[in-house]
Amino acid sequence: MGGGGESMEPNRTDAPARGAMRRPLLRLVLLGVFVAVVATVGFVFVPHDVEQIRSWSSQVGWPGVILFTLLYAALTLSPAPKNVLGIAAGLVWGFPVAFAMVYVGALLGAAASFLIGRALGREAVERFTGARVARLDAAIGRRGLLAVLSARLIPVIPFTLINYGAGLTSVRRRDYAIGTAVGILPGSAAYVALGAFGWELGPAFWVALAAVGVLLGAGLIAAAVVRRRRAAEAPDA
């Protein structure tokens, strides 16, 4: 009898442990389902034709500026293509207004997807990754600003993937926010300028191009400064 009682004890103690292991996995699965659903909605229901957006904006009027900004932010949660919306915004509203719309929408969407990724997936990364991944994660956390800024300025990795991926890492919110706010300026301005000015090489086009160049140069300089500071601090760490 005594032996039977002892054999049951590990099962009772293992149950909470199994539940604690399942919760992060369920959250990670929920994150994947969420992204898939939002992507489907973005691809199917969001207008990707410039004439559709022009017609819609003329019917709605100035409230369309707010609606478009929120739509752009929502679309940022999915991997659906967003560049055509930036071009369309420049064509419909002109460079200054369209740039503000696209920039604010991208910031809102990037912040939301980062927080969603951290809330649903970060615990699973911490619990189930090995020592090598943990060291890589710690390194990314220490160089969070540089990592985010570089990823934004050199857009090899898709925008949405950076948003959710950063949430899964130990990057600090402040570093993510600053790196994103600076890093998305050139790309946002470039696509809006393409819609606003097309290939007409007038003064307005060159002003916009110069602004993009200044922003890109400032971002690269900031990245170099951060890299040097990190390198200088490394021996003391």
Protein backbone atom coordinates (compact mmCIF):
# COMPACT_ATOMS: atom_id res chain seq x y z
CA MET A 1 0.00 0.00 0.00
CA GLY A 2 2.81 2.32 1.04
CA GLY A 3 4.62 1.71 -2.25
CA GLY A 4 1.46 2.44 -4.22
CA GLY A 5 0.97 5.71 -2.37
CA GLU A 6 4.52 6.80 -3.11
CA SER A 7 4.14 6.04 -6.82
CA MET A 8 1.12 8.34 -7.05
CA GLU A 9 2.90 11.33 -5.52
CA PRO A 10 5.06 12.23 -8.56
CA ASN A 11 1.96 12.29 -10.76
CA ARG A 12 0.32 14.87 -8.53
CA THR A 13 3.42 17.04 -8.47
CA ASP A 14 4.03 16.67 -12.20
CA ALA A 15 0.57 17.95 -13.15
CA PRO A 16 1.23 21.63 -12.28
CA ALA A 17 4.60 21.42 -14.05
CA ARG A 18 2.98 20.09 -17.21
CA GLY A 19 0.40 22.85 -17.04
CA ALA A 20 3.12 25.46 -16.64
CA MET A 21 4.87 24.08 -19.72
CA ARG A 22 1.71 24.02 -21.82
CA ARG A 23 0.75 27.65 -21.19
CA PRO A 24 3.72 29.21 -23.03
CA LEU A 25 3.25 26.81 -25.94
CA LEU A 26 -0.45 27.64 -26.16
CA ARG A 27 0.37 31.34 -26.20
CA LEU A 28 2.90 30.80 -28.96
CA VAL A 29 0.33 28.87 -30.99
CA LEU A 30 -2.18 31.66 -30.35
CA LEU A 31 0.34 34.17 -31.67
CA GLY A 32 0.75 32.14 -34.87
CA VAL A 33 -3.01 31.86 -35.34
CA PHE A 34 -3.45 35.60 -34.74
CA VAL A 35 -0.85 36.52 -37.36
CA ALA A 36 -2.38 34.08 -39.86
CA VAL A 37 -5.88 35.51 -39.37
CA VAL A 38 -4.74 39.12 -39.65
CA ALA A 39 -2.70 38.27 -42.76
CA THR A 40 -5.73 36.67 -44.40
CA VAL A 41 -7.90 39.68 -43.64
CA GLY A 42 -5.22 42.01 -44.94
CA PHE A 43 -4.74 40.17 -48.22
CA VAL A 44 -8.45 39.66 -48.89
CA PHE A 45 -10.25 42.78 -47.65
CA VAL A 46 -7.79 45.69 -47.78
CA PRO A 47 -7.86 47.60 -51.10
CA HIS A 48 -4.53 47.44 -52.91
CA ASP A 49 -5.54 49.43 -55.97
CA VAL A 50 -4.66 53.13 -56.06
CA GLU A 51 -7.89 54.10 -57.81
CA GLN A 52 -9.93 52.34 -55.13
CA ILE A 53 -8.17 54.32 -52.43
CA ARG A 54 -8.57 57.57 -54.38
CA SER A 55 -12.30 56.96 -54.81
CA TRP A 56 -12.71 56.03 -51.16
CA SER A 57 -10.84 59.12 -49.93
CA SER A 58 -12.94 61.46 -52.08
CA GLN A 59 -16.13 59.98 -50.61
CA VAL A 60 -14.99 60.05 -46.98
CA GLY A 61 -13.16 63.39 -46.96
CA TRP A 62 -10.77 64.46 -44.21
CA PRO A 63 -11.93 61.80 -41.71
CA GLY A 64 -10.36 59.42 -44.20
CA VAL A 65 -6.94 60.61 -43.01
CA ILE A 66 -7.57 59.15 -39.55
CA LEU A 67 -9.23 56.04 -40.95
CA PHE A 68 -6.38 55.41 -43.36
CA THR A 69 -3.81 55.82 -40.57
CA LEU A 70 -5.64 53.28 -38.41
CA LEU A 71 -6.03 50.95 -41.40
CA TYR A 72 -2.31 51.17 -42.09
CA ALA A 73 -1.56 50.43 -38.44
CA ALA A 74 -3.86 47.40 -38.49
CA LEU A 75 -2.32 46.14 -41.73
CA THR A 76 1.11 46.40 -40.13
CA LEU A 77 0.06 43.56 -37.83
CA SER A 78 0.02 41.26 -40.86
CA PRO A 79 2.64 40.40 -43.49
CA ALA A 80 0.35 41.78 -46.19
CA PRO A 81 2.17 44.22 -48.55
CA LYS A 82 1.99 47.81 -47.35
CA ASN A 83 4.23 49.64 -49.80
CA VAL A 84 1.43 50.18 -52.29
CA LEU A 85 -0.59 51.91 -49.57
CA GLY A 86 2.28 54.32 -48.93
CA ILE A 87 2.52 55.09 -52.65
CA ALA A 88 -1.25 55.51 -52.88
CA ALA A 89 -1.31 57.83 -49.87
CA GLY A 90 1.30 60.08 -51.49
CA LEU A 91 -0.70 60.13 -54.72
CA VAL A 92 -3.99 60.96 -52.99
CA TRP A 93 -3.02 63.29 -50.13
CA GLY A 94 0.34 64.71 -51.16
CA PHE A 95 3.70 64.27 -49.47
CA PRO A 96 3.41 66.10 -46.10
CA VAL A 97 0.03 64.70 -45.05
CA ALA A 98 0.63 61.23 -46.49
CA PHE A 99 4.05 60.93 -44.86
CA ALA A 100 2.56 61.78 -41.45
CA MET A 101 -0.22 59.22 -41.99
CA VAL A 102 2.09 56.40 -43.06
CA TYR A 103 4.69 57.15 -40.39
CA VAL A 104 2.21 57.29 -37.52
CA GLY A 105 0.37 54.21 -38.79
CA ALA A 106 3.61 52.25 -39.06
CA LEU A 107 4.66 53.29 -35.54
CA LEU A 108 1.31 52.27 -34.06
CA GLY A 109 1.33 48.92 -35.83
CA ALA A 110 4.96 48.23 -34.94
CA ALA A 111 4.31 48.97 -31.27
CA ALA A 112 1.18 46.81 -31.17
CA SER A 113 2.79 43.79 -32.85
CA PHE A 114 5.86 44.08 -30.59
CA LEU A 115 3.67 44.02 -27.47
CA ILE A 116 1.59 41.13 -28.84
CA GLY A 117 4.72 39.14 -29.62
CA ARG A 118 6.13 39.78 -26.16
CA ALA A 119 2.90 38.94 -24.36
CA LEU A 120 2.22 35.72 -26.24
CA GLY A 121 5.63 34.38 -27.19
CA ARG A 122 8.37 35.68 -24.90
CA GLU A 123 7.68 33.20 -22.10
CA ALA A 124 7.99 30.28 -24.50
CA VAL A 125 11.35 31.56 -25.75
CA GLU A 126 12.65 31.92 -22.19
CA ARG A 127 11.43 28.50 -21.11
CA PHE A 128 12.24 26.24 -24.04
CA THR A 129 15.35 27.63 -25.76
CA GLY A 130 18.80 26.24 -25.06
CA ALA A 131 21.90 27.92 -23.70
CA ARG A 132 23.17 28.98 -27.14
CA VAL A 133 19.92 30.72 -28.02
CA ALA A 134 19.85 32.28 -24.55
CA ARG A 135 23.31 33.77 -25.10
CA LEU A 136 22.26 35.12 -28.50
CA ASP A 137 19.13 36.58 -26.95
CA ALA A 138 21.19 38.26 -24.22
CA ALA A 139 23.53 39.73 -26.84
CA ILE A 140 20.57 41.10 -28.79
CA GLY A 141 19.21 42.59 -25.59
CA ARG A 142 22.49 44.40 -24.90
CA ARG A 143 22.64 45.75 -28.45
CA GLY A 144 18.92 46.22 -28.88
CA LEU A 145 18.97 49.75 -30.28
CA LEU A 146 21.67 48.95 -32.82
CA ALA A 147 20.01 45.68 -33.80
CA VAL A 148 16.60 47.26 -34.37
CA LEU A 149 18.00 50.33 -36.12
CA SER A 150 20.13 48.23 -38.47
CA ALA A 151 17.21 45.94 -39.30
CA ARG A 152 15.01 48.93 -40.11
CA LEU A 153 17.55 50.81 -42.20
CA ILE A 154 18.66 47.72 -44.15
CA PRO A 155 15.28 46.11 -44.90
CA VAL A 156 16.40 42.56 -45.60
CA ILE A 157 14.04 41.13 -42.98
CA PRO A 158 10.32 41.87 -43.56
CA PHE A 159 8.91 44.71 -41.46
CA THR A 160 6.26 42.63 -39.71
CA LEU A 161 8.70 39.84 -38.88
CA ILE A 162 10.98 42.36 -37.15
CA ASN A 163 8.06 43.63 -35.09
CA TYR A 164 7.01 40.25 -33.72
CA GLY A 165 10.55 38.89 -33.60
CA ALA A 166 11.78 41.78 -31.47
CA GLY A 167 8.94 41.09 -29.05
CA LEU A 168 10.20 37.53 -28.64
CA THR A 169 13.70 38.72 -27.74
CA SER A 170 14.99 40.58 -24.68
CA VAL A 171 15.22 43.91 -26.54
CA ARG A 172 14.15 46.71 -24.22
CA ARG A 173 11.02 48.62 -25.16
CA ARG A 174 12.90 51.92 -25.20
CA ASP A 175 15.54 50.60 -27.62
CA TYR A 176 12.87 49.10 -29.85
CA ALA A 177 10.86 52.34 -29.88
CA ILE A 178 13.84 54.57 -30.69
CA GLY A 179 15.29 52.20 -33.28
CA THR A 180 11.92 51.88 -35.00
CA ALA A 181 11.07 55.60 -34.89
CA VAL A 182 14.38 56.52 -36.55
CA GLY A 183 14.78 53.48 -38.76
CA ILE A 184 11.47 53.64 -40.59
CA LEU A 185 11.78 57.31 -41.57
CA PRO A 186 13.70 56.82 -44.86
CA GLY A 187 11.57 53.96 -46.15
CA SER A 188 8.29 55.67 -45.28
CA ALA A 189 9.40 58.89 -46.95
CA ALA A 190 10.64 57.10 -50.06
CA TYR A 191 7.40 55.27 -50.85
CA VAL A 192 5.23 58.30 -50.12
CA ALA A 193 7.47 60.49 -52.28
CA LEU A 194 7.18 58.00 -55.14
CA GLY A 195 3.41 58.34 -55.02
CA ALA A 196 3.39 62.10 -54.50
CA PHE A 197 5.95 63.07 -57.15
CA GLY A 198 6.29 60.03 -59.38
CA TRP A 199 9.23 60.45 -61.73
CA GLU A 200 8.77 64.20 -62.13
CA LEU A 201 12.18 65.54 -61.15
CA GLY A 202 10.93 68.89 -59.93
CA PRO A 203 12.06 70.85 -56.85
CA ALA A 204 9.64 69.05 -54.54
CA PHE A 205 11.04 65.67 -55.60
CA TRP A 206 14.61 66.73 -54.89
CA VAL A 207 13.65 68.19 -51.51
CA ALA A 208 12.01 64.90 -50.55
CA LEU A 209 14.99 62.93 -51.86
CA ALA A 210 17.38 65.13 -49.87
CA ALA A 211 15.27 64.62 -46.75
CA VAL A 212 15.43 60.85 -47.22
CA GLY A 213 19.20 61.06 -47.65
CA VAL A 214 19.62 63.14 -44.51
CA LEU A 215 17.47 60.77 -42.48
CA LEU A 216 19.31 57.74 -43.80
CA GLY A 217 22.68 59.34 -43.09
CA ALA A 218 21.60 60.31 -39.59
CA GLY A 219 20.45 56.76 -38.93
CA LEU A 220 23.73 55.27 -40.14
CA ILE A 221 25.74 57.74 -38.05
CA ALA A 222 23.64 56.91 -35.00
CA ALA A 223 24.20 53.21 -35.60
CA ALA A 224 27.96 53.76 -35.86
CA VAL A 225 28.02 55.79 -32.64
CA VAL A 226 26.07 53.13 -30.78
CA ARG A 227 28.38 50.41 -32.12
CA ARG A 228 31.47 52.29 -30.93
CA ARG A 229 30.01 52.87 -27.50
CA ARG A 230 29.11 49.21 -27.16
CA ALA A 231 32.60 48.22 -28.24
CA ALA A 232 34.15 50.61 -25.72
CA GLU A 233 31.98 49.24 -22.92
CA ALA A 234 32.66 45.60 -23.78
CA PRO A 235 36.07 45.26 -22.02
CA ASP A 236 34.59 46.68 -18.82
CA ALA A 237 31.64 44.25 -18.87
